[in-house]
Amino acid sequence: MKNNGKNSNYMTIHIEKLEILAIIGILNFERVKKQRIVIDAKMEYRFQENQFINYAEVISIIETMIISKEYQLLEDAVMDIQEKILKKYSQINKLYIKISKPDIIKNANVALSIEYLSEN
């Protein structure tokens, strides 16, 4: 079915299973040795000509922030990443970010997520 409204095409970008080795966490051993973290993100936006979201740039933002800031709390990491992405891409009306630490607990995958929904 074709959408006749040129300016009303909503798109969703999915970034799945982005793996990064980084210092993250509050436990003593987490501050010394890098651990594997996995990030999933989903961004919904209204696509308009020349106003697309560069997913490679979003991945670079996430990687740079996680690696350089060596967060103690996952909460700080997801909030900072959310703020940076929304500042760069104001056309996003929904943003979901999840950070998982799959190796921190032997028999569980621990994760934290945040979701943004525009009021517009």
N, C-alpha and C. Protein backbone atom coordinates (compact mmCIF):
# COMPACT_ATOMS: atom_id res chain seq x y z
N MET A 1 0.84 -1.18 0.00
CA MET A 1 0.00 0.00 0.00
C MET A 1 0.89 1.24 0.00
N LYS A 2 0.68 2.12 -0.92
CA LYS A 2 1.51 3.31 -1.06
C LYS A 2 0.94 4.45 -0.21
N ASN A 3 1.85 5.15 0.46
CA ASN A 3 1.46 6.31 1.26
C ASN A 3 1.55 7.54 0.38
N ASN A 4 0.43 8.24 0.20
CA ASN A 4 0.40 9.41 -0.67
C ASN A 4 0.99 10.66 -0.03
N GLY A 5 1.08 10.70 1.28
CA GLY A 5 1.66 11.86 1.97
C GLY A 5 3.16 11.77 1.98
N LYS A 6 3.83 12.57 1.16
CA LYS A 6 5.29 12.49 1.04
C LYS A 6 6.01 12.73 2.36
N ASN A 7 5.44 13.53 3.24
CA ASN A 7 6.12 13.90 4.47
C ASN A 7 5.68 13.08 5.68
N SER A 8 4.96 12.01 5.47
CA SER A 8 4.45 11.26 6.63
C SER A 8 4.93 9.82 6.66
N ASN A 9 6.08 9.55 6.12
CA ASN A 9 6.63 8.20 6.12
C ASN A 9 7.45 7.97 7.39
N TYR A 10 6.89 7.20 8.30
CA TYR A 10 7.61 6.89 9.54
C TYR A 10 8.49 5.67 9.32
N MET A 11 9.72 5.79 9.75
CA MET A 11 10.70 4.72 9.60
C MET A 11 11.20 4.33 10.99
N THR A 12 11.65 3.09 11.10
CA THR A 12 12.26 2.62 12.34
C THR A 12 13.61 2.01 12.02
N ILE A 13 14.65 2.53 12.66
CA ILE A 13 15.99 1.96 12.54
C ILE A 13 16.20 1.04 13.72
N HIS A 14 16.70 -0.15 13.46
CA HIS A 14 17.02 -1.13 14.51
C HIS A 14 18.53 -1.35 14.50
N ILE A 15 19.15 -1.17 15.64
CA ILE A 15 20.55 -1.54 15.82
C ILE A 15 20.51 -2.68 16.83
N GLU A 16 20.95 -3.84 16.41
CA GLU A 16 20.82 -5.03 17.24
C GLU A 16 22.17 -5.68 17.50
N LYS A 17 22.35 -6.06 18.75
CA LYS A 17 23.52 -6.83 19.17
C LYS A 17 24.84 -6.16 18.85
N LEU A 18 24.91 -4.86 19.09
CA LEU A 18 26.17 -4.13 18.93
C LEU A 18 27.07 -4.49 20.11
N GLU A 19 28.16 -5.18 19.84
CA GLU A 19 29.06 -5.64 20.91
C GLU A 19 30.24 -4.68 21.06
N ILE A 20 30.50 -4.34 22.32
CA ILE A 20 31.61 -3.44 22.65
C ILE A 20 32.34 -4.00 23.85
N LEU A 21 33.65 -3.93 23.86
CA LEU A 21 34.45 -4.27 25.03
C LEU A 21 34.76 -2.96 25.74
N ALA A 22 34.37 -2.87 27.02
CA ALA A 22 34.54 -1.59 27.73
C ALA A 22 34.61 -1.79 29.23
N ILE A 23 35.16 -0.79 29.89
CA ILE A 23 35.11 -0.70 31.35
C ILE A 23 33.75 -0.11 31.69
N ILE A 24 32.94 -0.87 32.42
CA ILE A 24 31.62 -0.38 32.81
C ILE A 24 31.16 -1.16 34.03
N GLY A 25 30.66 -0.45 35.02
CA GLY A 25 30.17 -1.11 36.22
C GLY A 25 30.80 -0.53 37.48
N ILE A 26 30.26 -0.96 38.63
CA ILE A 26 30.73 -0.42 39.91
C ILE A 26 31.56 -1.41 40.72
N LEU A 27 31.54 -2.67 40.34
CA LEU A 27 32.32 -3.66 41.08
C LEU A 27 33.81 -3.47 40.80
N ASN A 28 34.64 -3.78 41.78
CA ASN A 28 36.09 -3.56 41.64
C ASN A 28 36.68 -4.19 40.38
N PHE A 29 36.32 -5.45 40.12
CA PHE A 29 36.89 -6.13 38.95
C PHE A 29 36.39 -5.53 37.64
N GLU A 30 35.23 -4.88 37.65
CA GLU A 30 34.70 -4.25 36.44
C GLU A 30 35.45 -2.96 36.09
N ARG A 31 36.14 -2.40 37.06
CA ARG A 31 36.87 -1.16 36.84
C ARG A 31 38.28 -1.41 36.30
N VAL A 32 38.70 -2.70 36.28
CA VAL A 32 40.05 -3.03 35.85
C VAL A 32 40.07 -3.73 34.48
N LYS A 33 39.13 -4.63 34.29
CA LYS A 33 39.11 -5.45 33.08
C LYS A 33 37.89 -5.11 32.22
N LYS A 34 38.13 -4.93 30.93
CA LYS A 34 37.02 -4.67 30.00
C LYS A 34 36.11 -5.90 29.95
N GLN A 35 34.83 -5.63 29.82
CA GLN A 35 33.87 -6.71 29.66
C GLN A 35 33.04 -6.47 28.41
N ARG A 36 32.45 -7.53 27.94
CA ARG A 36 31.60 -7.46 26.75
C ARG A 36 30.24 -6.90 27.16
N ILE A 37 29.82 -5.88 26.44
CA ILE A 37 28.45 -5.39 26.61
C ILE A 37 27.78 -5.42 25.24
N VAL A 38 26.47 -5.55 25.26
CA VAL A 38 25.70 -5.64 24.03
C VAL A 38 24.64 -4.55 24.08
N ILE A 39 24.54 -3.80 22.99
CA ILE A 39 23.59 -2.70 22.94
C ILE A 39 22.60 -2.92 21.80
N ASP A 40 21.33 -2.70 22.15
CA ASP A 40 20.26 -2.70 21.16
C ASP A 40 19.62 -1.32 21.20
N ALA A 41 19.27 -0.81 20.05
CA ALA A 41 18.61 0.50 19.99
C ALA A 41 17.56 0.47 18.88
N LYS A 42 16.52 1.26 19.08
CA LYS A 42 15.46 1.38 18.09
C LYS A 42 15.04 2.84 18.04
N MET A 43 15.02 3.41 16.84
CA MET A 43 14.69 4.82 16.65
C MET A 43 13.58 4.94 15.62
N GLU A 44 12.50 5.60 15.99
CA GLU A 44 11.43 5.88 15.04
C GLU A 44 11.47 7.37 14.71
N TYR A 45 11.34 7.67 13.43
CA TYR A 45 11.38 9.06 12.99
C TYR A 45 10.57 9.22 11.71
N ARG A 46 10.21 10.46 11.44
CA ARG A 46 9.52 10.75 10.20
C ARG A 46 10.56 11.05 9.14
N PHE A 47 10.60 10.20 8.13
CA PHE A 47 11.57 10.38 7.04
C PHE A 47 11.09 11.48 6.11
N GLN A 48 11.97 12.43 5.89
CA GLN A 48 11.74 13.48 4.90
C GLN A 48 13.00 13.57 4.06
N GLU A 49 12.85 14.03 2.87
CA GLU A 49 13.99 14.14 1.97
C GLU A 49 15.14 14.89 2.63
N ASN A 50 16.31 14.30 2.57
CA ASN A 50 17.54 14.86 3.14
C ASN A 50 17.52 14.99 4.66
N GLN A 51 16.63 14.30 5.33
CA GLN A 51 16.60 14.30 6.79
C GLN A 51 16.56 12.87 7.32
N PHE A 52 17.50 12.08 6.87
CA PHE A 52 17.58 10.69 7.31
C PHE A 52 18.49 10.60 8.53
N ILE A 53 18.44 9.46 9.18
CA ILE A 53 19.31 9.20 10.33
C ILE A 53 20.42 8.26 9.87
N ASN A 54 21.64 8.67 10.08
CA ASN A 54 22.80 7.90 9.68
C ASN A 54 23.09 6.87 10.78
N TYR A 55 22.71 5.63 10.56
CA TYR A 55 22.87 4.61 11.60
C TYR A 55 24.33 4.33 11.92
N ALA A 56 25.22 4.49 10.95
CA ALA A 56 26.66 4.31 11.23
C ALA A 56 27.15 5.39 12.20
N GLU A 57 26.62 6.59 12.06
CA GLU A 57 26.98 7.67 12.97
C GLU A 57 26.41 7.42 14.37
N VAL A 58 25.21 6.89 14.45
CA VAL A 58 24.61 6.55 15.74
C VAL A 58 25.46 5.49 16.44
N ILE A 59 25.88 4.48 15.70
CA ILE A 59 26.74 3.43 16.27
C ILE A 59 28.04 4.03 16.77
N SER A 60 28.62 4.93 16.00
CA SER A 60 29.87 5.58 16.40
C SER A 60 29.68 6.39 17.69
N ILE A 61 28.57 7.10 17.80
CA ILE A 61 28.27 7.86 19.02
C ILE A 61 28.22 6.92 20.22
N ILE A 62 27.50 5.82 20.08
CA ILE A 62 27.35 4.85 21.18
C ILE A 62 28.71 4.28 21.57
N GLU A 63 29.46 3.80 20.58
CA GLU A 63 30.77 3.20 20.86
C GLU A 63 31.71 4.20 21.54
N THR A 64 31.78 5.39 21.00
CA THR A 64 32.69 6.41 21.54
C THR A 64 32.34 6.75 22.99
N MET A 65 31.07 6.94 23.26
CA MET A 65 30.66 7.30 24.62
C MET A 65 30.93 6.17 25.60
N ILE A 66 30.56 4.95 25.24
CA ILE A 66 30.75 3.81 26.15
C ILE A 66 32.23 3.59 26.44
N ILE A 67 33.05 3.63 25.42
CA ILE A 67 34.48 3.34 25.60
C ILE A 67 35.19 4.49 26.33
N SER A 68 34.92 5.72 25.95
CA SER A 68 35.68 6.84 26.51
C SER A 68 35.24 7.23 27.92
N LYS A 69 33.98 7.07 28.25
CA LYS A 69 33.49 7.54 29.55
C LYS A 69 33.61 6.52 30.68
N GLU A 70 33.82 5.25 30.33
CA GLU A 70 33.99 4.20 31.35
C GLU A 70 32.97 4.35 32.48
N TYR A 71 31.71 4.32 32.12
CA TYR A 71 30.61 4.53 33.07
C TYR A 71 30.64 3.55 34.22
N GLN A 72 30.23 4.02 35.38
CA GLN A 72 30.03 3.14 36.52
C GLN A 72 28.62 2.58 36.49
N LEU A 73 27.65 3.44 36.23
CA LEU A 73 26.25 3.01 36.23
C LEU A 73 25.70 2.90 34.81
N LEU A 74 24.99 1.83 34.55
CA LEU A 74 24.32 1.68 33.26
C LEU A 74 23.30 2.80 33.07
N GLU A 75 22.69 3.24 34.16
CA GLU A 75 21.70 4.33 34.10
C GLU A 75 22.31 5.60 33.50
N ASP A 76 23.53 5.94 33.95
CA ASP A 76 24.21 7.11 33.40
C ASP A 76 24.52 6.93 31.92
N ALA A 77 24.93 5.74 31.56
CA ALA A 77 25.27 5.46 30.16
C ALA A 77 24.06 5.62 29.25
N VAL A 78 22.94 4.99 29.59
CA VAL A 78 21.77 5.08 28.70
C VAL A 78 21.22 6.50 28.62
N MET A 79 21.25 7.23 29.74
CA MET A 79 20.74 8.60 29.72
C MET A 79 21.63 9.52 28.89
N ASP A 80 22.96 9.37 29.01
CA ASP A 80 23.89 10.19 28.22
C ASP A 80 23.76 9.88 26.72
N ILE A 81 23.68 8.61 26.40
CA ILE A 81 23.55 8.21 24.99
C ILE A 81 22.24 8.73 24.41
N GLN A 82 21.17 8.57 25.17
CA GLN A 82 19.87 9.07 24.72
C GLN A 82 19.93 10.57 24.44
N GLU A 83 20.49 11.32 25.36
CA GLU A 83 20.58 12.78 25.20
C GLU A 83 21.38 13.16 23.96
N LYS A 84 22.51 12.50 23.76
CA LYS A 84 23.38 12.82 22.62
C LYS A 84 22.69 12.50 21.29
N ILE A 85 22.03 11.36 21.20
CA ILE A 85 21.35 10.97 19.96
C ILE A 85 20.19 11.93 19.66
N LEU A 86 19.41 12.25 20.69
CA LEU A 86 18.26 13.15 20.48
C LEU A 86 18.71 14.56 20.11
N LYS A 87 19.84 14.98 20.63
CA LYS A 87 20.37 16.31 20.29
C LYS A 87 20.82 16.34 18.82
N LYS A 88 21.43 15.24 18.37
CA LYS A 88 21.93 15.16 16.99
C LYS A 88 20.79 14.98 15.99
N TYR A 89 19.78 14.21 16.37
CA TYR A 89 18.67 13.88 15.46
C TYR A 89 17.34 14.27 16.10
N SER A 90 16.97 15.51 15.95
CA SER A 90 15.76 16.03 16.60
C SER A 90 14.48 15.46 15.98
N GLN A 91 14.56 14.84 14.81
CA GLN A 91 13.37 14.28 14.18
C GLN A 91 12.93 12.94 14.79
N ILE A 92 13.71 12.40 15.72
CA ILE A 92 13.34 11.14 16.38
C ILE A 92 12.14 11.40 17.29
N ASN A 93 11.11 10.56 17.14
CA ASN A 93 9.97 10.70 18.05
C ASN A 93 9.86 9.54 19.03
N LYS A 94 10.59 8.46 18.78
CA LYS A 94 10.68 7.35 19.74
C LYS A 94 12.10 6.83 19.72
N LEU A 95 12.64 6.59 20.92
CA LEU A 95 14.00 6.07 21.01
C LEU A 95 14.06 5.07 22.16
N TYR A 96 14.57 3.89 21.87
CA TYR A 96 14.73 2.83 22.86
C TYR A 96 16.19 2.40 22.84
N ILE A 97 16.80 2.32 24.02
CA ILE A 97 18.19 1.88 24.14
C ILE A 97 18.27 0.85 25.26
N LYS A 98 18.94 -0.26 24.99
CA LYS A 98 19.13 -1.30 25.99
C LYS A 98 20.60 -1.69 26.03
N ILE A 99 21.17 -1.71 27.24
CA ILE A 99 22.55 -2.15 27.43
C ILE A 99 22.52 -3.44 28.25
N SER A 100 23.13 -4.48 27.70
CA SER A 100 23.19 -5.78 28.37
C SER A 100 24.62 -6.11 28.76
N LYS A 101 24.74 -6.78 29.90
CA LYS A 101 26.03 -7.30 30.36
C LYS A 101 25.89 -8.83 30.43
N PRO A 102 26.08 -9.50 29.29
CA PRO A 102 25.78 -10.93 29.22
C PRO A 102 26.72 -11.83 30.01
N ASP A 103 27.88 -11.33 30.39
CA ASP A 103 28.87 -12.19 31.04
C ASP A 103 29.06 -11.90 32.52
N ILE A 104 28.34 -10.95 33.08
CA ILE A 104 28.58 -10.52 34.46
C ILE A 104 28.05 -11.54 35.48
N ILE A 105 26.96 -12.19 35.16
CA ILE A 105 26.39 -13.22 36.03
C ILE A 105 26.32 -14.51 35.22
N LYS A 106 26.81 -15.57 35.81
CA LYS A 106 27.01 -16.82 35.09
C LYS A 106 25.75 -17.33 34.38
N ASN A 107 24.62 -17.30 35.03
CA ASN A 107 23.43 -17.93 34.46
C ASN A 107 22.33 -16.92 34.10
N ALA A 108 22.72 -15.66 33.83
CA ALA A 108 21.72 -14.65 33.47
C ALA A 108 22.33 -13.57 32.59
N ASN A 109 21.49 -12.96 31.80
CA ASN A 109 21.86 -11.78 31.03
C ASN A 109 21.23 -10.58 31.73
N VAL A 110 22.05 -9.69 32.25
CA VAL A 110 21.57 -8.52 32.98
C VAL A 110 21.52 -7.36 31.99
N ALA A 111 20.43 -6.59 32.03
CA ALA A 111 20.28 -5.48 31.09
C ALA A 111 19.51 -4.34 31.74
N LEU A 112 19.68 -3.16 31.15
CA LEU A 112 18.95 -1.97 31.57
C LEU A 112 18.53 -1.24 30.30
N SER A 113 17.32 -0.70 30.30
CA SER A 113 16.85 0.01 29.11
C SER A 113 16.19 1.33 29.49
N ILE A 114 16.08 2.18 28.48
CA ILE A 114 15.41 3.47 28.61
C ILE A 114 14.61 3.69 27.34
N GLU A 115 13.50 4.37 27.48
CA GLU A 115 12.67 4.65 26.31
C GLU A 115 12.24 6.12 26.33
N TYR A 116 12.35 6.74 25.19
CA TYR A 116 11.93 8.14 25.00
C TYR A 116 10.77 8.15 24.04
N LEU A 117 9.74 8.92 24.36
CA LEU A 117 8.62 9.10 23.46
C LEU A 117 8.31 10.59 23.39
N SER A 118 8.40 11.16 22.20
CA SER A 118 8.15 12.58 22.03
C SER A 118 6.69 12.91 22.35
N GLU A 119 6.50 14.08 22.89
CA GLU A 119 5.13 14.52 23.22
C GLU A 119 4.46 15.17 22.03
N ASN A 120 5.17 15.32 20.91
CA ASN A 120 4.60 15.94 19.70
C ASN A 120 3.78 14.96 18.91
